[in-house]
Amino acid sequence: MIRVKAVLFDFYDTLVYGEGCEESWRCALEAAVDYLNSLGFRVSIEDFSDNYSRIRDILLERLKGTLSELDVVYLYWRLLRELGISPSIELVVRLLEVFYDIEVGCVRLYSDAIPTIEYFRERGVKTAIVSNATVRFEYIVRKLGLVKYFDVLMASYKVMKLKPHPRIFTETLRLLGVRPEEAVMIGDSYRADIAGAKRLGIRGVLIDRRNQQYGLFNKGLEPDAVIESLNELKALIEL
């Protein structure tokens, strides 16, 4: 049994998954271009898409090996300039809203997510999301109505460091008001979620929904448990 005061959840492929995201991306792209053209600009879907991909790839290449998060606001700022549009924060924010309000429609909650979170919250355990995510995270959380289920919503774009960097974990613990040994991290990535947490003294439970994670674990950083469903946490975590 694992005795803790806080449960930290990874987001993608732990609490949520994508379904039909290519179609959502295409619809969101069309909406973003329509919005810009409604303001009097002349932008084609091809120009928007090609410049977006090129700028994103350049920025990601610069970040490679740094554990730093992509700044999507800066990406869109650069994109507007490449499209011959003078950018402003207001325009970037509105464009992000138009795009993500549609694009995140492909994200679904796993059926065991909310019942598990409610189980722990009803028993006084603090809950948090700790995710490697850009600002897109905020639109998903809002769309799915998740704010009420968590004490802390932590995404890497807020601290500009990706898991397994310690900053995202330590900031989450600080906001929760708990020590490392009082928390457990639940996630589907051994390297990012489990090893990253264990290096700080946080317990780690690896969720392997597809029974595909057969990799070797680093000595001393092994998961405290491996599960296939969040429902198994009720028997693992002592209250």
Foldseek 3Di string as FASTA:
>chain_A
DAEFQEEEEAPEPTFKYFDPLVVLQVVLLVQLQVVVVVVVADDDSVLLVVLLVVLVVVQVVVCPPPQFADAVLVSVCVSCVSSVHNDDSVSSVVSCCSRLLRNLVRMDTDPQRVVLLVVQVVVNGAYEYQYADYPSVVSNCVVVVPPVSHQYYFYRNVVRGAFLPQPSVVVVCVSVVHAQSNYEYEEQDLRGTQQSSVVRVHAYEHADQPPPDPDDHDPSRDHPYYHNGSVCVVVVYDD
